[in-house]
C-alpha cells in the first residue's frame, strides 16, 4: 500500500475519532502507547514532549513555528502550501486530528 494511501486511511480514522469528543488522540505501536496529541495540543512521542499544535492550527517544534493547518484545510509547512485536508478543520480538535496524522505518519514535519 502506498504511503499516501496509509496517510489517508489514518486521517479518516483519526478524524472519525475526533468527531466523538475532545479527548487525547493516542497512537499505539505494537500494542503500547507510542505517541499522543493531548486535548491541549501538546504532542508527545514515547512520553516526551516534541511539539505543540495550537488551537489556531499553528505547529510548533521546540518552540519554533514549522507549519499550520488553516480552518479551510490548507496545510502549510515553513509558510508554503504543503497540501490540504478536506471535510475538516473547522475547530481546534479537528486540526489536532490532522496534525496527529501529519506528525506521526508523514516524515515531512520532522517529529
Protein backbone atom coordinates (compact mmCIF):
# COMPACT_ATOMS: atom_id res chain seq x y z
CA UNK A 1 0.00 0.00 0.00
CA UNK A 2 1.36 3.44 -0.91
CA UNK A 3 2.42 5.82 1.86
CA UNK A 4 -0.19 8.37 0.71
CA UNK A 5 -2.94 5.74 1.00
CA UNK A 6 -1.83 4.85 4.52
CA UNK A 7 -1.87 8.54 5.47
CA UNK A 8 -5.38 8.99 4.07
CA UNK A 9 -6.69 5.92 5.90
CA UNK A 10 -5.08 7.06 9.16
CA UNK A 11 -6.51 10.56 8.66
CA UNK A 12 -10.00 9.15 8.22
CA UNK A 13 -9.67 7.07 11.38
CA UNK A 14 -8.32 9.95 13.44
CA UNK A 15 -10.96 12.40 12.19
CA UNK A 16 -13.71 9.87 12.92
CA UNK A 17 -12.34 9.50 16.44
CA UNK A 18 -12.15 13.29 16.76
CA UNK A 19 -15.85 13.61 15.99
CA UNK A 20 -16.63 11.54 19.07
CA UNK A 21 -15.34 14.17 21.53
CA UNK A 22 -12.48 16.31 22.77
CA UNK A 23 -10.16 13.64 24.16
CA UNK A 24 -6.49 12.95 23.74
CA UNK A 25 -5.54 11.27 20.47
CA UNK A 26 -3.42 8.22 21.26
CA UNK A 27 -1.37 6.23 18.78
CA UNK A 28 -0.23 2.74 19.71
CA UNK A 29 2.60 0.79 18.16
CA UNK A 30 2.86 -2.93 18.86
CA UNK A 31 0.10 -2.58 21.45
CA UNK A 32 1.99 0.01 23.52
CA UNK A 33 1.41 3.74 23.76
CA UNK A 34 3.80 5.31 21.28
CA UNK A 35 2.55 8.86 20.78
CA UNK A 36 -0.30 11.23 21.57
CA UNK A 37 -1.75 14.64 20.88
CA UNK A 38 -3.40 15.93 24.05
CA UNK A 39 -6.64 17.89 24.09
CA UNK A 40 -4.50 20.96 24.86
CA UNK A 41 -2.43 20.34 21.69
CA UNK A 42 0.77 19.02 23.27
CA UNK A 43 2.43 16.44 21.03
CA UNK A 44 4.28 13.63 22.82
CA UNK A 45 6.30 10.80 21.34
CA UNK A 46 7.43 7.97 23.62
CA UNK A 47 6.31 10.12 26.57
CA UNK A 48 8.44 13.15 25.73
CA UNK A 49 7.06 16.47 24.51
CA UNK A 50 8.16 17.03 20.91
CA UNK A 51 5.89 19.88 19.88
CA UNK A 52 2.58 21.68 20.03
CA UNK A 53 -0.44 22.22 17.78
CA UNK A 54 -2.12 25.44 18.87
CA UNK A 55 -5.88 25.97 18.73
CA UNK A 56 -5.44 28.24 15.68
CA UNK A 57 -3.66 25.39 13.82
CA UNK A 58 -0.06 26.57 14.22
CA UNK A 59 2.53 23.76 14.52
CA UNK A 60 5.50 24.28 16.82
CA UNK A 61 8.59 22.14 17.28
CA UNK A 62 10.99 23.13 20.08
CA UNK A 63 9.12 26.43 20.31
CA UNK A 64 9.61 27.36 16.64
CA UNK A 65 6.76 27.56 14.13
CA UNK A 66 7.18 24.90 11.45
CA UNK A 67 3.75 24.93 9.82
CA UNK A 68 0.00 25.33 10.19
CA UNK A 69 -3.38 23.81 9.42
CA UNK A 70 -5.81 26.54 8.39
CA UNK A 71 -9.55 26.42 9.10
CA UNK A 72 -10.26 25.79 5.41
CA UNK A 73 -8.00 22.72 5.41
CA UNK A 74 -4.88 24.21 3.80
CA UNK A 75 -1.75 22.66 5.28
CA UNK A 76 1.36 24.85 5.36
CA UNK A 77 4.95 23.87 6.04
CA UNK A 78 7.51 26.62 6.51
CA UNK A 79 4.98 29.17 5.20
CA UNK A 80 4.41 27.37 1.87
CA UNK A 81 1.38 25.29 0.95
CA UNK A 82 2.26 21.63 1.55
CA UNK A 83 -1.18 20.12 0.97
CA UNK A 84 -4.77 20.16 2.14
CA UNK A 85 -7.31 18.20 4.15
CA UNK A 86 -10.98 18.08 3.26
CA UNK A 87 -14.10 17.80 5.42
CA UNK A 88 -12.27 19.02 8.49
CA UNK A 89 -10.52 21.81 10.29
CA UNK A 90 -13.44 23.98 11.41
CA UNK A 91 -12.40 23.66 15.04
CA UNK A 92 -9.24 23.18 17.07
CA UNK A 93 -9.88 19.50 17.73
CA UNK A 94 -10.22 18.65 14.04
CA UNK A 95 -6.95 20.48 13.34
CA UNK A 96 -5.28 18.45 16.11
CA UNK A 97 -6.53 15.25 14.49
CA UNK A 98 -4.99 16.25 11.15
CA UNK A 99 -1.80 17.28 12.98
CA UNK A 100 -1.57 13.84 14.59
CA UNK A 101 -1.61 12.18 11.20
CA UNK A 102 0.97 14.58 9.76
CA UNK A 103 3.32 14.35 12.71
CA UNK A 104 3.26 10.62 13.15
CA UNK A 105 2.74 9.32 9.62
CA UNK A 106 4.50 11.87 7.42
CA UNK A 107 8.23 12.35 7.76
CA UNK A 108 7.93 15.81 6.20
CA UNK A 109 7.19 17.52 9.52
CA UNK A 110 10.28 16.13 11.25
CA UNK A 111 9.00 14.81 14.57
